[in-house]
Every structure is written in C-alpha cells, then in structure tokens.
Amino acid sequence: MKKIFISLSATLVALLANQGAFAADAVLDLAKAKNCMTCHAVATKVVGPAYKDVAAKYAGQKDAENKLTAKVMKGGSGVWGAVPMPANAQVTEAEAHTLVKWVLSQK
C-alpha cells in the first residue's frame, strides 16, 4: 500500500509540474497569435528586447506588471533604444496582463 501511495504521489507531482508547462505553452501561443513574437524572442534580442532581459530589468519592481501591461496596450519608446514599441490593439487588457506575467517569469 505504501508503494502505491508513493507512486501516486510522484505521478501527481509530475502532472502538476506538467500543468505549468502546458500553461506556459498556452501563453507562448497567445504571444505568437498577438504578433508579439514578431519583434521579441524569449532568450535573444530581435527588434525589441529578449523577454529574459525584460524580466531581469523589471525584477523586484512592484509596479512592473501594470507598467508593462500599459506599454503592451499603448506602446512606448526610449527604454530599450530608439526603436519604439507600437501599441498592440489586438490585445485585451486581460491578455496583456497574462502576457506580462509570463514575460516577467522568464529567467
């Protein structure tokens, strides 16, 4: 009985870990669908900064999520160089929050 419990516990832990991976995949799909990946990548600079660099720059800033959500929706310039980030009219505020949370989680 103890072996069965340990096996089931290990399986449950693995399933919960995979659930996080599935959620991350869903957000990556959302980023692709909303054309974020046209100018950004997770680990390397494209036109805009890598998401890992954004996460590092804003790490520990309490207002980062709201600041970046507004930037996704309204656009911005000057923080990462001369190329401005255009507003993304395709993204709802809820989607922008989801995307920003994911970006800020990149390490």
C-alpha atoms as a PDB file:
ATOM      1  CA  MET A   1       0.000   0.000   0.000  1.00  0.00           C
ATOM      2  CA  LYS A   2       2.844   2.388   0.867  1.00  0.00           C
ATOM      3  CA  LYS A   3       4.479   1.819  -2.550  1.00  0.00           C
ATOM      4  CA  ILE A   4       1.208   2.595  -4.323  1.00  0.00           C
ATOM      5  CA  PHE A   5       0.814   5.835  -2.346  1.00  0.00           C
ATOM      6  CA  ILE A   6       4.384   6.916  -3.133  1.00  0.00           C
ATOM      7  CA  SER A   7       3.877   6.082  -6.805  1.00  0.00           C
ATOM      8  CA  LEU A   8       0.601   8.032  -6.948  1.00  0.00           C
ATOM      9  CA  SER A   9       2.197  10.984  -5.144  1.00  0.00           C
ATOM     10  CA  ALA A  10       5.073  11.059  -7.622  1.00  0.00           C
ATOM     11  CA  THR A  11       2.616  10.880 -10.518  1.00  0.00           C
ATOM     12  CA  LEU A  12       0.571  13.756  -9.082  1.00  0.00           C
ATOM     13  CA  VAL A  13       3.688  15.912  -8.647  1.00  0.00           C
ATOM     14  CA  ALA A  14       4.703  15.184 -12.251  1.00  0.00           C
ATOM     15  CA  LEU A  15       1.224  16.066 -13.528  1.00  0.00           C
ATOM     16  CA  LEU A  16       1.193  19.356 -11.625  1.00  0.00           C
ATOM     17  CA  ALA A  17       4.644  20.224 -12.963  1.00  0.00           C
ATOM     18  CA  ASN A  18       3.466  19.479 -16.497  1.00  0.00           C
ATOM     19  CA  GLN A  19       0.395  21.654 -15.968  1.00  0.00           C
ATOM     20  CA  GLY A  20       2.735  24.644 -15.547  1.00  0.00           C
ATOM     21  CA  ALA A  21       4.459  23.708 -18.800  1.00  0.00           C
ATOM     22  CA  PHE A  22       1.097  23.475 -20.571  1.00  0.00           C
ATOM     23  CA  ALA A  23       0.116  26.903 -19.230  1.00  0.00           C
ATOM     24  CA  ALA A  24       3.418  28.382 -20.405  1.00  0.00           C
ATOM     25  CA  ASP A  25       2.866  26.850 -23.844  1.00  0.00           C
ATOM     26  CA  ALA A  26      -0.593  28.433 -23.973  1.00  0.00           C
ATOM     27  CA  VAL A  27       0.834  31.875 -23.195  1.00  0.00           C
ATOM     28  CA  LEU A  28       3.562  31.415 -25.799  1.00  0.00           C
ATOM     29  CA  ASP A  29       0.822  30.531 -28.308  1.00  0.00           C
ATOM     30  CA  LEU A  30      -1.038  33.697 -27.254  1.00  0.00           C
ATOM     31  CA  ALA A  31       2.138  35.766 -27.768  1.00  0.00           C
ATOM     32  CA  LYS A  32       2.501  34.285 -31.246  1.00  0.00           C
ATOM     33  CA  ALA A  33      -1.173  34.886 -32.079  1.00  0.00           C
ATOM     34  CA  LYS A  34      -0.957  38.522 -30.976  1.00  0.00           C
ATOM     35  CA  ASN A  35       2.232  39.072 -33.049  1.00  0.00           C
ATOM     36  CA  CYS A  36       4.465  39.702 -30.018  1.00  0.00           C
ATOM     37  CA  MET A  37       6.998  37.199 -31.330  1.00  0.00           C
ATOM     38  CA  THR A  38       7.464  39.257 -34.498  1.00  0.00           C
ATOM     39  CA  CYS A  39       9.669  41.664 -32.547  1.00  0.00           C
ATOM     40  CA  HIS A  40      10.577  39.654 -29.434  1.00  0.00           C
ATOM     41  CA  ALA A  41      12.007  36.252 -28.516  1.00  0.00           C
ATOM     42  CA  VAL A  42      12.386  34.622 -25.128  1.00  0.00           C
ATOM     43  CA  ALA A  43      16.175  34.488 -24.987  1.00  0.00           C
ATOM     44  CA  THR A  44      17.538  36.760 -27.734  1.00  0.00           C
ATOM     45  CA  LYS A  45      17.021  40.333 -28.890  1.00  0.00           C
ATOM     46  CA  VAL A  46      15.121  40.605 -32.170  1.00  0.00           C
ATOM     47  CA  VAL A  47      13.767  44.119 -32.842  1.00  0.00           C
ATOM     48  CA  GLY A  48      12.789  44.522 -29.215  1.00  0.00           C
ATOM     49  CA  PRO A  49      14.482  43.094 -26.144  1.00  0.00           C
ATOM     50  CA  ALA A  50      14.501  39.419 -25.200  1.00  0.00           C
ATOM     51  CA  TYR A  51      11.828  38.561 -22.667  1.00  0.00           C
ATOM     52  CA  LYS A  52      14.529  37.276 -20.298  1.00  0.00           C
ATOM     53  CA  ASP A  53      16.137  40.727 -20.416  1.00  0.00           C
ATOM     54  CA  VAL A  54      12.796  42.404 -19.707  1.00  0.00           C
ATOM     55  CA  ALA A  55      12.246  40.092 -16.735  1.00  0.00           C
ATOM     56  CA  ALA A  56      15.721  40.873 -15.395  1.00  0.00           C
ATOM     57  CA  LYS A  57      15.286  44.639 -15.821  1.00  0.00           C
ATOM     58  CA  TYR A  58      11.946  44.726 -14.006  1.00  0.00           C
ATOM     59  CA  ALA A  59      12.672  42.064 -11.360  1.00  0.00           C
ATOM     60  CA  GLY A  60      11.525  43.187  -7.934  1.00  0.00           C
ATOM     61  CA  GLN A  61       9.627  46.238  -9.174  1.00  0.00           C
ATOM     62  CA  LYS A  62       6.179  46.174  -7.604  1.00  0.00           C
ATOM     63  CA  ASP A  63       4.562  48.209 -10.386  1.00  0.00           C
ATOM     64  CA  ALA A  64       6.212  46.292 -13.246  1.00  0.00           C
ATOM     65  CA  GLU A  65       3.141  44.309 -14.263  1.00  0.00           C
ATOM     66  CA  ASN A  66       0.890  47.350 -14.558  1.00  0.00           C
ATOM     67  CA  LYS A  67       3.608  49.456 -16.210  1.00  0.00           C
ATOM     68  CA  LEU A  68       4.354  46.800 -18.827  1.00  0.00           C
ATOM     69  CA  THR A  69       0.679  45.988 -19.401  1.00  0.00           C
ATOM     70  CA  ALA A  70       0.092  49.637 -20.293  1.00  0.00           C
ATOM     71  CA  LYS A  71       3.141  49.566 -22.563  1.00  0.00           C
ATOM     72  CA  VAL A  72       1.836  46.493 -24.406  1.00  0.00           C
ATOM     73  CA  MET A  73      -1.509  48.164 -24.991  1.00  0.00           C
ATOM     74  CA  LYS A  74      -0.387  51.762 -25.651  1.00  0.00           C
ATOM     75  CA  GLY A  75       3.171  51.336 -26.902  1.00  0.00           C
ATOM     76  CA  GLY A  76       6.253  53.119 -25.679  1.00  0.00           C
ATOM     77  CA  SER A  77       9.753  54.274 -26.518  1.00  0.00           C
ATOM     78  CA  GLY A  78      13.126  55.175 -25.121  1.00  0.00           C
ATOM     79  CA  VAL A  79      13.592  52.395 -22.563  1.00  0.00           C
ATOM     80  CA  TRP A  80      15.330  49.893 -24.863  1.00  0.00           C
ATOM     81  CA  GLY A  81      16.709  52.211 -27.511  1.00  0.00           C
ATOM     82  CA  ALA A  82      15.481  54.308 -30.402  1.00  0.00           C
ATOM     83  CA  VAL A  83      13.021  51.823 -31.919  1.00  0.00           C
ATOM     84  CA  PRO A  84       9.547  52.453 -30.447  1.00  0.00           C
ATOM     85  CA  MET A  85       7.214  49.650 -29.441  1.00  0.00           C
ATOM     86  CA  PRO A  86       3.884  50.190 -31.184  1.00  0.00           C
ATOM     87  CA  ALA A  87       0.586  49.802 -29.379  1.00  0.00           C
ATOM     88  CA  ASN A  88      -0.957  46.368 -29.789  1.00  0.00           C
ATOM     89  CA  ALA A  89      -4.654  46.927 -30.471  1.00  0.00           C
ATOM     90  CA  GLN A  90      -5.206  43.168 -30.853  1.00  0.00           C
ATOM     91  CA  VAL A  91      -4.565  42.528 -27.142  1.00  0.00           C
ATOM     92  CA  THR A  92      -7.223  42.910 -24.463  1.00  0.00           C
ATOM     93  CA  GLU A  93      -6.205  44.170 -21.046  1.00  0.00           C
ATOM     94  CA  ALA A  94      -6.649  40.679 -19.562  1.00  0.00           C
ATOM     95  CA  GLU A  95      -4.471  39.172 -22.306  1.00  0.00           C
ATOM     96  CA  ALA A  96      -1.853  41.866 -21.770  1.00  0.00           C
ATOM     97  CA  HIS A  97      -1.711  41.045 -18.046  1.00  0.00           C
ATOM     98  CA  THR A  98      -1.354  37.337 -18.857  1.00  0.00           C
ATOM     99  CA  LEU A  99       1.427  38.015 -21.346  1.00  0.00           C
ATOM    100  CA  VAL A 100       3.271  40.373 -18.994  1.00  0.00           C
ATOM    101  CA  LYS A 101       3.102  37.918 -16.083  1.00  0.00           C
ATOM    102  CA  TRP A 102       4.618  35.289 -18.369  1.00  0.00           C
ATOM    103  CA  VAL A 103       7.324  37.675 -19.605  1.00  0.00           C
ATOM    104  CA  LEU A 104       8.227  38.617 -16.039  1.00  0.00           C
ATOM    105  CA  SER A 105       8.528  34.920 -15.136  1.00  0.00           C
ATOM    106  CA  GLN A 106      11.269  34.307 -17.737  1.00  0.00           C
ATOM    107  CA  LYS A 107      14.706  33.644 -16.246  1.00  0.00           C
END
